[in-house]
Amino acid sequence: MNTYRLTENDLNYVKQKMAHQKKYLQDTTFVTGQGQVKSLLDVSFSANHSVRYYAQLANKINTMSDYAKSIGHVPLFLTMTLDGFYRDFLRGDFKRFKNLDKDLLAEAYRGIPNNDIYGYL
């Protein structure tokens, strides 16, 4: 298995974190308007925990691909995510970055898109 430079400890930490998340979702319940007791896991569409996530995603991809083909386009599906460390940065909230070394901050800033779509930073 390719670990992308993650250590065994890193992988174990992530597995533990996901197990804790799943337990929280299972243990947190609520009562619906019809009187059913449901857990957060029952209504979750998390990619890590929900069995419905992949079916829903596959359905969306198939629908978009079929439509693209029907109008003569070549379908392309691309997923891009941003490390959670940078999310505050994109919203203009710099509090978590104020204590960083200036060189480290400059390096972090260099990886953020700076255009009219994502906002000029």
PDB file of N, CA and C in Angstrom:
ATOM      1  N   MET A   1       0.845  -1.185   0.000  1.00  0.00           N
ATOM      2  CA  MET A   1       0.000   0.000   0.000  1.00  0.00           C
ATOM      3  C   MET A   1       0.884   1.241   0.000  1.00  0.00           C
ATOM      4  N   ASN A   2       0.581   2.187  -0.867  1.00  0.00           N
ATOM      5  CA  ASN A   2       1.324   3.440  -0.900  1.00  0.00           C
ATOM      6  C   ASN A   2       0.822   4.340   0.216  1.00  0.00           C
ATOM      7  N   THR A   3       1.718   4.762   1.092  1.00  0.00           N
ATOM      8  CA  THR A   3       1.298   5.558   2.251  1.00  0.00           C
ATOM      9  C   THR A   3       1.522   7.053   2.052  1.00  0.00           C
ATOM     10  N   TYR A   4       2.043   7.467   0.912  1.00  0.00           N
ATOM     11  CA  TYR A   4       2.255   8.879   0.618  1.00  0.00           C
ATOM     12  C   TYR A   4       3.011   9.573   1.747  1.00  0.00           C
ATOM     13  N   ARG A   5       4.070   8.916   2.208  1.00  0.00           N
ATOM     14  CA  ARG A   5       4.967   9.429   3.243  1.00  0.00           C
ATOM     15  C   ARG A   5       4.317   9.560   4.613  1.00  0.00           C
ATOM     16  N   LEU A   6       3.210   8.915   4.826  1.00  0.00           N
ATOM     17  CA  LEU A   6       2.607   8.886   6.149  1.00  0.00           C
ATOM     18  C   LEU A   6       3.244   7.750   6.930  1.00  0.00           C
ATOM     19  N   THR A   7       3.468   7.981   8.197  1.00  0.00           N
ATOM     20  CA  THR A   7       4.016   6.929   9.035  1.00  0.00           C
ATOM     21  C   THR A   7       2.889   5.998   9.480  1.00  0.00           C
ATOM     22  N   GLU A   8       3.258   4.862  10.008  1.00  0.00           N
ATOM     23  CA  GLU A   8       2.271   3.934  10.543  1.00  0.00           C
ATOM     24  C   GLU A   8       1.489   4.592  11.681  1.00  0.00           C
ATOM     25  N   ASN A   9       2.175   5.420  12.476  1.00  0.00           N
ATOM     26  CA  ASN A   9       1.498   6.156  13.561  1.00  0.00           C
ATOM     27  C   ASN A   9       0.469   7.132  13.012  1.00  0.00           C
ATOM     28  N   ASP A  10       0.797   7.801  11.907  1.00  0.00           N
ATOM     29  CA  ASP A  10      -0.159   8.722  11.272  1.00  0.00           C
ATOM     30  C   ASP A  10      -1.412   7.975  10.838  1.00  0.00           C
ATOM     31  N   LEU A  11      -1.219   6.827  10.200  1.00  0.00           N
ATOM     32  CA  LEU A  11      -2.356   6.033   9.730  1.00  0.00           C
ATOM     33  C   LEU A  11      -3.204   5.528  10.893  1.00  0.00           C
ATOM     34  N   ASN A  12      -2.550   5.074  11.947  1.00  0.00           N
ATOM     35  CA  ASN A  12      -3.288   4.606  13.122  1.00  0.00           C
ATOM     36  C   ASN A  12      -4.067   5.742  13.769  1.00  0.00           C
ATOM     37  N   TYR A  13      -3.466   6.934  13.824  1.00  0.00           N
ATOM     38  CA  TYR A  13      -4.136   8.102  14.397  1.00  0.00           C
ATOM     39  C   TYR A  13      -5.418   8.420  13.616  1.00  0.00           C
ATOM     40  N   VAL A  14      -5.313   8.398  12.290  1.00  0.00           N
ATOM     41  CA  VAL A  14      -6.470   8.702  11.447  1.00  0.00           C
ATOM     42  C   VAL A  14      -7.549   7.628  11.617  1.00  0.00           C
ATOM     43  N   LYS A  15      -7.138   6.368  11.680  1.00  0.00           N
ATOM     44  CA  LYS A  15      -8.111   5.292  11.882  1.00  0.00           C
ATOM     45  C   LYS A  15      -8.838   5.444  13.216  1.00  0.00           C
ATOM     46  N   GLN A  16      -8.083   5.805  14.263  1.00  0.00           N
ATOM     47  CA  GLN A  16      -8.704   6.035  15.577  1.00  0.00           C
ATOM     48  C   GLN A  16      -9.670   7.207  15.529  1.00  0.00           C
ATOM     49  N   LYS A  17      -9.263   8.267  14.866  1.00  0.00           N
ATOM     50  CA  LYS A  17     -10.106   9.460  14.763  1.00  0.00           C
ATOM     51  C   LYS A  17     -11.411   9.134  14.042  1.00  0.00           C
ATOM     52  N   MET A  18     -11.319   8.358  12.958  1.00  0.00           N
ATOM     53  CA  MET A  18     -12.522   7.985  12.221  1.00  0.00           C
ATOM     54  C   MET A  18     -13.416   7.069  13.058  1.00  0.00           C
ATOM     55  N   ALA A  19     -12.806   6.179  13.850  1.00  0.00           N
ATOM     56  CA  ALA A  19     -13.595   5.298  14.723  1.00  0.00           C
ATOM     57  C   ALA A  19     -14.325   6.124  15.781  1.00  0.00           C
ATOM     58  N   HIS A  20     -13.651   7.143  16.333  1.00  0.00           N
ATOM     59  CA  HIS A  20     -14.295   8.023  17.318  1.00  0.00           C
ATOM     60  C   HIS A  20     -15.447   8.805  16.678  1.00  0.00           C
ATOM     61  N   GLN A  21     -15.232   9.282  15.445  1.00  0.00           N
ATOM     62  CA  GLN A  21     -16.296  10.015  14.742  1.00  0.00           C
ATOM     63  C   GLN A  21     -17.509   9.115  14.524  1.00  0.00           C
ATOM     64  N   LYS A  22     -17.254   7.877  14.079  1.00  0.00           N
ATOM     65  CA  LYS A  22     -18.358   6.958  13.819  1.00  0.00           C
ATOM     66  C   LYS A  22     -19.113   6.642  15.110  1.00  0.00           C
ATOM     67  N   LYS A  23     -18.375   6.433  16.197  1.00  0.00           N
ATOM     68  CA  LYS A  23     -19.021   6.146  17.487  1.00  0.00           C
ATOM     69  C   LYS A  23     -19.883   7.331  17.922  1.00  0.00           C
ATOM     70  N   TYR A  24     -19.365   8.554  17.743  1.00  0.00           N
ATOM     71  CA  TYR A  24     -20.143   9.741  18.093  1.00  0.00           C
ATOM     72  C   TYR A  24     -21.434   9.797  17.268  1.00  0.00           C
ATOM     73  N   LEU A  25     -21.324   9.552  15.966  1.00  0.00           N
ATOM     74  CA  LEU A  25     -22.498   9.583  15.099  1.00  0.00           C
ATOM     75  C   LEU A  25     -23.505   8.504  15.489  1.00  0.00           C
ATOM     76  N   GLN A  26     -23.010   7.330  15.878  1.00  0.00           N
ATOM     77  CA  GLN A  26     -23.899   6.247  16.289  1.00  0.00           C
ATOM     78  C   GLN A  26     -24.583   6.551  17.623  1.00  0.00           C
ATOM     79  N   ASP A  27     -23.839   7.145  18.546  1.00  0.00           N
ATOM     80  CA  ASP A  27     -24.341   7.364  19.910  1.00  0.00           C
ATOM     81  C   ASP A  27     -25.215   8.610  20.056  1.00  0.00           C
ATOM     82  N   THR A  28     -25.151   9.529  19.099  1.00  0.00           N
ATOM     83  CA  THR A  28     -25.943  10.753  19.188  1.00  0.00           C
ATOM     84  C   THR A  28     -27.257  10.529  18.444  1.00  0.00           C
ATOM     85  N   THR A  29     -28.345  10.548  19.194  1.00  0.00           N
ATOM     86  CA  THR A  29     -29.644  10.243  18.602  1.00  0.00           C
ATOM     87  C   THR A  29     -30.619  11.402  18.759  1.00  0.00           C
ATOM     88  N   PHE A  30     -31.687  11.322  17.997  1.00  0.00           N
ATOM     89  CA  PHE A  30     -32.765  12.301  18.075  1.00  0.00           C
ATOM     90  C   PHE A  30     -34.067  11.603  17.697  1.00  0.00           C
ATOM     91  N   VAL A  31     -35.172  12.242  18.002  1.00  0.00           N
ATOM     92  CA  VAL A  31     -36.483  11.673  17.693  1.00  0.00           C
ATOM     93  C   VAL A  31     -37.079  12.463  16.532  1.00  0.00           C
ATOM     94  N   THR A  32     -37.501  11.760  15.500  1.00  0.00           N
ATOM     95  CA  THR A  32     -38.092  12.413  14.334  1.00  0.00           C
ATOM     96  C   THR A  32     -39.520  12.848  14.638  1.00  0.00           C
ATOM     97  N   GLY A  33     -40.109  13.588  13.739  1.00  0.00           N
ATOM     98  CA  GLY A  33     -41.494  14.023  13.882  1.00  0.00           C
ATOM     99  C   GLY A  33     -42.472  12.857  13.924  1.00  0.00           C
ATOM    100  N   GLN A  34     -42.068  11.709  13.360  1.00  0.00           N
ATOM    101  CA  GLN A  34     -42.917  10.520  13.377  1.00  0.00           C
ATOM    102  C   GLN A  34     -42.638   9.639  14.593  1.00  0.00           C
ATOM    103  N   GLY A  35     -41.791  10.100  15.499  1.00  0.00           N
ATOM    104  CA  GLY A  35     -41.499   9.345  16.719  1.00  0.00           C
ATOM    105  C   GLY A  35     -40.413   8.301  16.582  1.00  0.00           C
ATOM    106  N   GLN A  36     -39.727   8.274  15.455  1.00  0.00           N
ATOM    107  CA  GLN A  36     -38.628   7.315  15.270  1.00  0.00           C
ATOM    108  C   GLN A  36     -37.373   7.852  15.940  1.00  0.00           C
ATOM    109  N   VAL A  37     -36.603   6.963  16.555  1.00  0.00           N
ATOM    110  CA  VAL A  37     -35.302   7.344  17.114  1.00  0.00           C
ATOM    111  C   VAL A  37     -34.255   7.052  16.056  1.00  0.00           C
ATOM    112  N   LYS A  38     -33.532   8.077  15.661  1.00  0.00           N
ATOM    113  CA  LYS A  38     -32.495   7.933  14.638  1.00  0.00           C
ATOM    114  C   LYS A  38     -31.177   8.448  15.201  1.00  0.00           C
ATOM    115  N   SER A  39     -30.099   7.869  14.720  1.00  0.00           N
ATOM    116  CA  SER A  39     -28.771   8.371  15.090  1.00  0.00           C
ATOM    117  C   SER A  39     -28.296   9.323  14.002  1.00  0.00           C
ATOM    118  N   LEU A  40     -27.297  10.098  14.319  1.00  0.00           N
ATOM    119  CA  LEU A  40     -26.724  10.978  13.293  1.00  0.00           C
ATOM    120  C   LEU A  40     -26.118  10.156  12.160  1.00  0.00           C
ATOM    121  N   LEU A  41     -25.655   8.960  12.478  1.00  0.00           N
ATOM    122  CA  LEU A  41     -25.109   8.092  11.433  1.00  0.00           C
ATOM    123  C   LEU A  41     -26.188   7.692  10.426  1.00  0.00           C
ATOM    124  N   ASP A  42     -27.430   7.528  10.906  1.00  0.00           N
ATOM    125  CA  ASP A  42     -28.539   7.174  10.016  1.00  0.00           C
ATOM    126  C   ASP A  42     -28.793   8.241   8.955  1.00  0.00           C
ATOM    127  N   VAL A  43     -28.550   9.484   9.286  1.00  0.00           N
ATOM    128  CA  VAL A  43     -28.856  10.577   8.359  1.00  0.00           C
ATOM    129  C   VAL A  43     -27.609  11.198   7.746  1.00  0.00           C
ATOM    130  N   SER A  44     -26.445  10.646   8.070  1.00  0.00           N
ATOM    131  CA  SER A  44     -25.175  11.195   7.588  1.00  0.00           C
ATOM    132  C   SER A  44     -24.935  10.824   6.128  1.00  0.00           C
ATOM    133  N   PHE A  45     -24.353  11.736   5.403  1.00  0.00           N
ATOM    134  CA  PHE A  45     -23.887  11.460   4.043  1.00  0.00           C
ATOM    135  C   PHE A  45     -22.375  11.619   3.978  1.00  0.00           C
ATOM    136  N   SER A  46     -21.705  11.380   5.100  1.00  0.00           N
ATOM    137  CA  SER A  46     -20.249  11.489   5.174  1.00  0.00           C
ATOM    138  C   SER A  46     -19.596  10.441   4.283  1.00  0.00           C
ATOM    139  N   ALA A  47     -18.587  10.843   3.552  1.00  0.00           N
ATOM    140  CA  ALA A  47     -17.871   9.893   2.696  1.00  0.00           C
ATOM    141  C   ALA A  47     -17.186   8.810   3.520  1.00  0.00           C
ATOM    142  N   ASN A  48     -16.825   9.132   4.749  1.00  0.00           N
ATOM    143  CA  ASN A  48     -16.116   8.172   5.584  1.00  0.00           C
ATOM    144  C   ASN A  48     -17.033   7.166   6.264  1.00  0.00           C
ATOM    145  N   HIS A  49     -18.301   7.503   6.449  1.00  0.00           N
ATOM    146  CA  HIS A  49     -19.154   6.650   7.269  1.00  0.00           C
ATOM    147  C   HIS A  49     -20.454   6.202   6.609  1.00  0.00           C
ATOM    148  N   SER A  50     -20.977   6.925   5.664  1.00  0.00           N
ATOM    149  CA  SER A  50     -22.301   6.630   5.122  1.00  0.00           C
ATOM    150  C   SER A  50     -22.231   5.633   3.973  1.00  0.00           C
ATOM    151  N   VAL A  51     -23.088   4.619   4.032  1.00  0.00           N
ATOM    152  CA  VAL A  51     -23.165   3.662   2.921  1.00  0.00           C
ATOM    153  C   VAL A  51     -23.880   4.289   1.727  1.00  0.00           C
ATOM    154  N   ARG A  52     -24.652   5.352   1.961  1.00  0.00           N
ATOM    155  CA  ARG A  52     -25.395   6.002   0.876  1.00  0.00           C
ATOM    156  C   ARG A  52     -24.532   6.983   0.088  1.00  0.00           C
ATOM    157  N   TYR A  53     -23.421   7.439   0.656  1.00  0.00           N
ATOM    158  CA  TYR A  53     -22.602   8.468   0.014  1.00  0.00           C
ATOM    159  C   TYR A  53     -22.158   8.039  -1.380  1.00  0.00           C
ATOM    160  N   TYR A  54     -21.604   6.843  -1.483  1.00  0.00           N
ATOM    161  CA  TYR A  54     -21.045   6.407  -2.762  1.00  0.00           C
ATOM    162  C   TYR A  54     -22.130   6.179  -3.810  1.00  0.00           C
ATOM    163  N   ALA A  55     -23.268   5.669  -3.388  1.00  0.00           N
ATOM    164  CA  ALA A  55     -24.375   5.474  -4.333  1.00  0.00           C
ATOM    165  C   ALA A  55     -24.866   6.824  -4.840  1.00  0.00           C
ATOM    166  N   GLN A  56     -24.987   7.779  -3.949  1.00  0.00           N
ATOM    167  CA  GLN A  56     -25.441   9.114  -4.353  1.00  0.00           C
ATOM    168  C   GLN A  56     -24.419   9.771  -5.277  1.00  0.00           C
ATOM    169  N   LEU A  57     -23.146   9.657  -4.932  1.00  0.00           N
ATOM    170  CA  LEU A  57     -22.090  10.247  -5.758  1.00  0.00           C
ATOM    171  C   LEU A  57     -22.046   9.585  -7.137  1.00  0.00           C
ATOM    172  N   ALA A  58     -22.148   8.244  -7.173  1.00  0.00           N
ATOM    173  CA  ALA A  58     -22.132   7.532  -8.452  1.00  0.00           C
ATOM    174  C   ALA A  58     -23.322   7.952  -9.314  1.00  0.00           C
ATOM    175  N   ASN A  59     -24.484   8.126  -8.708  1.00  0.00           N
ATOM    176  CA  ASN A  59     -25.662   8.561  -9.446  1.00  0.00           C
ATOM    177  C   ASN A  59     -25.456   9.953 -10.044  1.00  0.00           C
ATOM    178  N   LYS A  60     -24.901  10.865  -9.253  1.00  0.00           N
ATOM    179  CA  LYS A  60     -24.644  12.221  -9.770  1.00  0.00           C
ATOM    180  C   LYS A  60     -23.650  12.189 -10.925  1.00  0.00           C
ATOM    181  N   ILE A  61     -22.588  11.408 -10.769  1.00  0.00           N
ATOM    182  CA  ILE A  61     -21.569  11.328 -11.823  1.00  0.00           C
ATOM    183  C   ILE A  61     -22.166  10.728 -13.091  1.00  0.00           C
ATOM    184  N   ASN A  62     -22.927   9.648 -12.955  1.00  0.00           N
ATOM    185  CA  ASN A  62     -23.549   9.020 -14.130  1.00  0.00           C
ATOM    186  C   ASN A  62     -24.499   9.984 -14.832  1.00  0.00           C
ATOM    187  N   THR A  63     -25.299  10.706 -14.055  1.00  0.00           N
ATOM    188  CA  THR A  63     -26.244  11.664 -14.634  1.00  0.00           C
ATOM    189  C   THR A  63     -25.509  12.758 -15.401  1.00  0.00           C
ATOM    190  N   MET A  64     -24.478  13.324 -14.779  1.00  0.00           N
ATOM    191  CA  MET A  64     -23.722  14.396 -15.450  1.00  0.00           C
ATOM    192  C   MET A  64     -22.967  13.868 -16.666  1.00  0.00           C
ATOM    193  N   SER A  65     -22.408  12.654 -16.562  1.00  0.00           N
ATOM    194  CA  SER A  65     -21.685  12.058 -17.694  1.00  0.00           C
ATOM    195  C   SER A  65     -22.615  11.789 -18.869  1.00  0.00           C
ATOM    196  N   ASP A  66     -23.769  11.222 -18.575  1.00  0.00           N
ATOM    197  CA  ASP A  66     -24.740  10.943 -19.641  1.00  0.00           C
ATOM    198  C   ASP A  66     -25.185  12.231 -20.325  1.00  0.00           C
ATOM    199  N   TYR A  67     -25.427  13.270 -19.535  1.00  0.00           N
ATOM    200  CA  TYR A  67     -25.839  14.548 -20.118  1.00  0.00           C
ATOM    201  C   TYR A  67     -24.723  15.128 -20.981  1.00  0.00           C
ATOM    202  N   ALA A  68     -23.487  15.104 -20.473  1.00  0.00           N
ATOM    203  CA  ALA A  68     -22.361  15.645 -21.236  1.00  0.00           C
ATOM    204  C   ALA A  68     -22.214  14.909 -22.575  1.00  0.00           C
ATOM    205  N   LYS A  69     -22.318  13.586 -22.537  1.00  0.00           N
ATOM    206  CA  LYS A  69     -22.207  12.804 -23.768  1.00  0.00           C
ATOM    207  C   LYS A  69     -23.347  13.128 -24.727  1.00  0.00           C
ATOM    208  N   SER A  70     -24.554  13.343 -24.179  1.00  0.00           N
ATOM    209  CA  SER A  70     -25.714  13.595 -25.041  1.00  0.00           C
ATOM    210  C   SER A  70     -25.606  14.911 -25.801  1.00  0.00           C
ATOM    211  N   ILE A  71     -24.801  15.843 -25.302  1.00  0.00           N
ATOM    212  CA  ILE A  71     -24.632  17.114 -26.020  1.00  0.00           C
ATOM    213  C   ILE A  71     -23.261  17.206 -26.693  1.00  0.00           C
ATOM    214  N   GLY A  72     -22.602  16.031 -26.835  1.00  0.00           N
ATOM    215  CA  GLY A  72     -21.357  15.970 -27.592  1.00  0.00           C
ATOM    216  C   GLY A  72     -20.110  16.362 -26.815  1.00  0.00           C
ATOM    217  N   HIS A  73     -20.179  16.424 -25.509  1.00  0.00           N
ATOM    218  CA  HIS A  73     -18.998  16.744 -24.702  1.00  0.00           C
ATOM    219  C   HIS A  73     -18.359  15.473 -24.168  1.00  0.00           C
ATOM    220  N   VAL A  74     -17.129  15.595 -23.734  1.00  0.00           N
ATOM    221  CA  VAL A  74     -16.441  14.493 -23.083  1.00  0.00           C
ATOM    222  C   VAL A  74     -16.509  14.743 -21.584  1.00  0.00           C
ATOM    223  N   PRO A  75     -17.152  13.849 -20.834  1.00  0.00           N
ATOM    224  CA  PRO A  75     -17.285  14.084 -19.396  1.00  0.00           C
ATOM    225  C   PRO A  75     -15.953  13.951 -18.672  1.00  0.00           C
ATOM    226  N   LEU A  76     -15.752  14.804 -17.704  1.00  0.00           N
ATOM    227  CA  LEU A  76     -14.551  14.773 -16.876  1.00  0.00           C
ATOM    228  C   LEU A  76     -14.987  15.060 -15.449  1.00  0.00           C
ATOM    229  N   PHE A  77     -14.616  14.192 -14.535  1.00  0.00           N
ATOM    230  CA  PHE A  77     -14.972  14.384 -13.137  1.00  0.00           C
ATOM    231  C   PHE A  77     -13.702  14.641 -12.357  1.00  0.00           C
ATOM    232  N   LEU A  78     -13.656  15.742 -11.652  1.00  0.00           N
ATOM    233  CA  LEU A  78     -12.464  16.141 -10.915  1.00  0.00           C
ATOM    234  C   LEU A  78     -12.881  16.585  -9.522  1.00  0.00           C
ATOM    235  N   THR A  79     -12.196  16.084  -8.523  1.00  0.00           N
ATOM    236  CA  THR A  79     -12.451  16.497  -7.150  1.00  0.00           C
ATOM    237  C   THR A  79     -11.199  17.151  -6.598  1.00  0.00           C
ATOM    238  N   MET A  80     -11.373  18.327  -6.038  1.00  0.00           N
ATOM    239  CA  MET A  80     -10.247  19.022  -5.417  1.00  0.00           C
ATOM    240  C   MET A  80     -10.656  19.423  -4.008  1.00  0.00           C
ATOM    241  N   THR A  81      -9.760  19.208  -3.075  1.00  0.00           N
ATOM    242  CA  THR A  81     -10.044  19.603  -1.697  1.00  0.00           C
ATOM    243  C   THR A  81      -8.914  20.478  -1.188  1.00  0.00           C
ATOM    244  N   LEU A  82      -9.219  21.233  -0.178  1.00  0.00           N
ATOM    245  CA  LEU A  82      -8.240  22.117   0.428  1.00  0.00           C
ATOM    246  C   LEU A  82      -8.013  21.670   1.853  1.00  0.00           C
ATOM    247  N   ASP A  83      -6.766  21.557   2.232  1.00  0.00           N
ATOM    248  CA  ASP A  83      -6.443  21.195   3.604  1.00  0.00           C
ATOM    249  C   ASP A  83      -7.157  22.135   4.557  1.00  0.00           C
ATOM    250  N   GLY A  84      -7.748  21.585   5.594  1.00  0.00           N
ATOM    251  CA  GLY A  84      -8.508  22.373   6.558  1.00  0.00           C
ATOM    252  C   GLY A  84      -7.713  23.500   7.179  1.00  0.00           C
ATOM    253  N   PHE A  85      -6.391  23.366   7.202  1.00  0.00           N
ATOM    254  CA  PHE A  85      -5.529  24.402   7.751  1.00  0.00           C
ATOM    255  C   PHE A  85      -5.749  25.742   7.047  1.00  0.00           C
ATOM    256  N   TYR A  86      -6.089  25.712   5.768  1.00  0.00           N
ATOM    257  CA  TYR A  86      -6.197  26.933   4.972  1.00  0.00           C
ATOM    258  C   TYR A  86      -7.602  27.522   4.895  1.00  0.00           C
ATOM    259  N   ARG A  87      -8.614  26.828   5.385  1.00  0.00           N
ATOM    260  CA  ARG A  87      -9.985  27.299   5.190  1.00  0.00           C
ATOM    261  C   ARG A  87     -10.234  28.676   5.795  1.00  0.00           C
ATOM    262  N   ASP A  88      -9.740  28.915   7.009  1.00  0.00           N
ATOM    263  CA  ASP A  88      -9.901  30.239   7.615  1.00  0.00           C
ATOM    264  C   ASP A  88      -9.205  31.298   6.770  1.00  0.00           C
ATOM    265  N   PHE A  89      -8.077  30.924   6.211  1.00  0.00           N
ATOM    266  CA  PHE A  89      -7.284  31.837   5.389  1.00  0.00           C
ATOM    267  C   PHE A  89      -8.097  32.346   4.200  1.00  0.00           C
ATOM    268  N   LEU A  90      -8.850  31.448   3.552  1.00  0.00           N
ATOM    269  CA  LEU A  90      -9.651  31.829   2.390  1.00  0.00           C
ATOM    270  C   LEU A  90     -10.785  32.782   2.762  1.00  0.00           C
ATOM    271  N   ARG A  91     -11.282  32.674   3.984  1.00  0.00           N
ATOM    272  CA  ARG A  91     -12.358  33.558   4.443  1.00  0.00           C
ATOM    273  C   ARG A  91     -11.832  34.891   4.957  1.00  0.00           C
ATOM    274  N   GLY A  92     -10.513  35.054   4.963  1.00  0.00           N
ATOM    275  CA  GLY A  92      -9.937  36.300   5.442  1.00  0.00           C
ATOM    276  C   GLY A  92      -9.729  36.335   6.943  1.00  0.00           C
ATOM    277  N   ASP A  93      -9.873  35.187   7.618  1.00  0.00           N
ATOM    278  CA  ASP A  93      -9.649  35.100   9.057  1.00  0.00           C
ATOM    279  C   ASP A  93      -8.203  34.661   9.279  1.00  0.00           C
ATOM    280  N   PHE A  94      -7.355  35.597   9.684  1.00  0.00           N
ATOM    281  CA  PHE A  94      -5.920  35.340   9.782  1.00  0.00           C
ATOM    282  C   PHE A  94      -5.467  35.063  11.217  1.00  0.00           C
ATOM    283  N   LYS A  95      -6.411  34.920  12.175  1.00  0.00           N
ATOM    284  CA  LYS A  95      -6.030  34.755  13.593  1.00  0.00           C
ATOM    285  C   LYS A  95      -5.080  33.586  13.805  1.00  0.00           C
ATOM    286  N   ARG A  96      -5.373  32.454  13.211  1.00  0.00           N
ATOM    287  CA  ARG A  96      -4.526  31.283  13.452  1.00  0.00           C
ATOM    288  C   ARG A  96      -3.146  31.432  12.821  1.00  0.00           C
ATOM    289  N   PHE A  97      -2.969  32.395  11.917  1.00  0.00           N
ATOM    290  CA  PHE A  97      -1.693  32.561  11.232  1.00  0.00           C
ATOM    291  C   PHE A  97      -0.804  33.616  11.880  1.00  0.00           C
ATOM    292  N   LYS A  98      -1.339  34.401  12.813  1.00  0.00           N
ATOM    293  CA  LYS A  98      -0.575  35.517  13.384  1.00  0.00           C
ATOM    294  C   LYS A  98       0.659  35.071  14.137  1.00  0.00           C
ATOM    295  N   ASN A  99       0.643  33.884  14.737  1.00  0.00           N
ATOM    296  CA  ASN A  99       1.785  33.421  15.506  1.00  0.00           C
ATOM    297  C   ASN A  99       2.782  32.611  14.683  1.00  0.00           C
ATOM    298  N   LEU A 100       2.513  32.456  13.397  1.00  0.00           N
ATOM    299  CA  LEU A 100       3.426  31.697  12.548  1.00  0.00           C
ATOM    300  C   LEU A 100       4.648  32.528  12.180  1.00  0.00           C
ATOM    301  N   ASP A 101       5.734  31.846  11.992  1.00  0.00           N
ATOM    302  CA  ASP A 101       6.955  32.464  11.489  1.00  0.00           C
ATOM    303  C   ASP A 101       6.652  33.077  10.120  1.00  0.00           C
ATOM    304  N   LYS A 102       7.197  34.236   9.814  1.00  0.00           N
ATOM    305  CA  LYS A 102       6.865  34.935   8.552  1.00  0.00           C
ATOM    306  C   LYS A 102       7.215  34.101   7.326  1.00  0.00           C
ATOM    307  N   ASP A 103       8.331  33.362   7.368  1.00  0.00           N
ATOM    308  CA  ASP A 103       8.696  32.522   6.226  1.00  0.00           C
ATOM    309  C   ASP A 103       7.702  31.382   6.043  1.00  0.00           C
ATOM    310  N   LEU A 104       7.263  30.790   7.155  1.00  0.00           N
ATOM    311  CA  LEU A 104       6.281  29.712   7.089  1.00  0.00           C
ATOM    312  C   LEU A 104       4.948  30.239   6.565  1.00  0.00           C
ATOM    313  N   LEU A 105       4.557  31.422   7.008  1.00  0.00           N
ATOM    314  CA  LEU A 105       3.312  32.035   6.546  1.00  0.00           C
ATOM    315  C   LEU A 105       3.396  32.336   5.048  1.00  0.00           C
ATOM    316  N   ALA A 106       4.537  32.855   4.598  1.00  0.00           N
ATOM    317  CA  ALA A 106       4.705  33.153   3.173  1.00  0.00           C
ATOM    318  C   ALA A 106       4.594  31.874   2.343  1.00  0.00           C
ATOM    319  N   GLU A 107       5.149  30.785   2.850  1.00  0.00           N
ATOM    320  CA  GLU A 107       5.065  29.507   2.139  1.00  0.00           C
ATOM    321  C   GLU A 107       3.621  29.018   2.083  1.00  0.00           C
ATOM    322  N   ALA A 108       2.892  29.154   3.173  1.00  0.00           N
ATOM    323  CA  ALA A 108       1.486  28.751   3.206  1.00  0.00           C
ATOM    324  C   ALA A 108       0.666  29.614   2.255  1.00  0.00           C
ATOM    325  N   TYR A 109       0.935  30.893   2.228  1.00  0.00           N
ATOM    326  CA  TYR A 109       0.193  31.844   1.399  1.00  0.00           C
ATOM    327  C   TYR A 109       0.402  31.563  -0.084  1.00  0.00           C
ATOM    328  N   ARG A 110       1.599  31.091  -0.449  1.00  0.00           N
ATOM    329  CA  ARG A 110       1.935  30.848  -1.848  1.00  0.00           C
ATOM    330  C   ARG A 110       1.032  29.769  -2.464  1.00  0.00           C
ATOM    331  N   GLY A 111       0.510  28.848  -1.649  1.00  0.00           N
ATOM    332  CA  GLY A 111      -0.305  27.761  -2.177  1.00  0.00           C
ATOM    333  C   GLY A 111      -1.775  28.092  -2.331  1.00  0.00           C
ATOM    334  N   ILE A 112      -2.200  29.306  -1.972  1.00  0.00           N
ATOM    335  CA  ILE A 112      -3.609  29.677  -2.025  1.00  0.00           C
ATOM    336  C   ILE A 112      -3.904  30.360  -3.365  1.00  0.00           C
ATOM    337  N   PRO A 113      -4.982  29.953  -4.047  1.00  0.00           N
ATOM    338  CA  PRO A 113      -5.351  30.621  -5.300  1.00  0.00           C
ATOM    339  C   PRO A 113      -5.616  32.104  -5.054  1.00  0.00           C
ATOM    340  N   ASN A 114      -5.152  32.940  -5.944  1.00  0.00           N
ATOM    341  CA  ASN A 114      -5.319  34.383  -5.802  1.00  0.00           C
ATOM    342  C   ASN A 114      -5.864  34.920  -7.124  1.00  0.00           C
ATOM    343  N   ASN A 115      -7.177  34.807  -7.308  1.00  0.00           N
ATOM    344  CA  ASN A 115      -7.788  35.266  -8.545  1.00  0.00           C
ATOM    345  C   ASN A 115      -9.202  35.738  -8.286  1.00  0.00           C
ATOM    346  N   ASP A 116      -9.883  36.195  -9.321  1.00  0.00           N
ATOM    347  CA  ASP A 116     -11.216  36.755  -9.135  1.00  0.00           C
ATOM    348  C   ASP A 116     -12.261  35.704  -8.760  1.00  0.00           C
ATOM    349  N   ILE A 117     -12.030  34.431  -9.098  1.00  0.00           N
ATOM    350  CA  ILE A 117     -12.972  33.367  -8.730  1.00  0.00           C
ATOM    351  C   ILE A 117     -12.949  33.125  -7.222  1.00  0.00           C
ATOM    352  N   TYR A 118     -11.740  33.016  -6.664  1.00  0.00           N
ATOM    353  CA  TYR A 118     -11.600  32.679  -5.260  1.00  0.00           C
ATOM    354  C   TYR A 118     -11.397  33.912  -4.379  1.00  0.00           C
ATOM    355  N   GLY A 119     -11.296  35.052  -4.972  1.00  0.00           N
ATOM    356  CA  GLY A 119     -11.099  36.278  -4.208  1.00  0.00           C
ATOM    357  C   GLY A 119      -9.618  36.603  -4.135  1.00  0.00           C
ATOM    358  N   TYR A 120      -9.318  37.847  -4.296  1.00  0.00           N
ATOM    359  CA  TYR A 120      -7.936  38.281  -4.204  1.00  0.00           C
ATOM    360  C   TYR A 120      -7.562  38.400  -2.735  1.00  0.00           C
ATOM    361  N   LEU A 121      -6.465  37.772  -2.345  1.00  0.00           N
ATOM    362  CA  LEU A 121      -6.045  37.773  -0.952  1.00  0.00           C
ATOM    363  C   LEU A 121      -4.967  38.824  -0.729  1.00  0.00           C
TER     364      LEU A 121
END
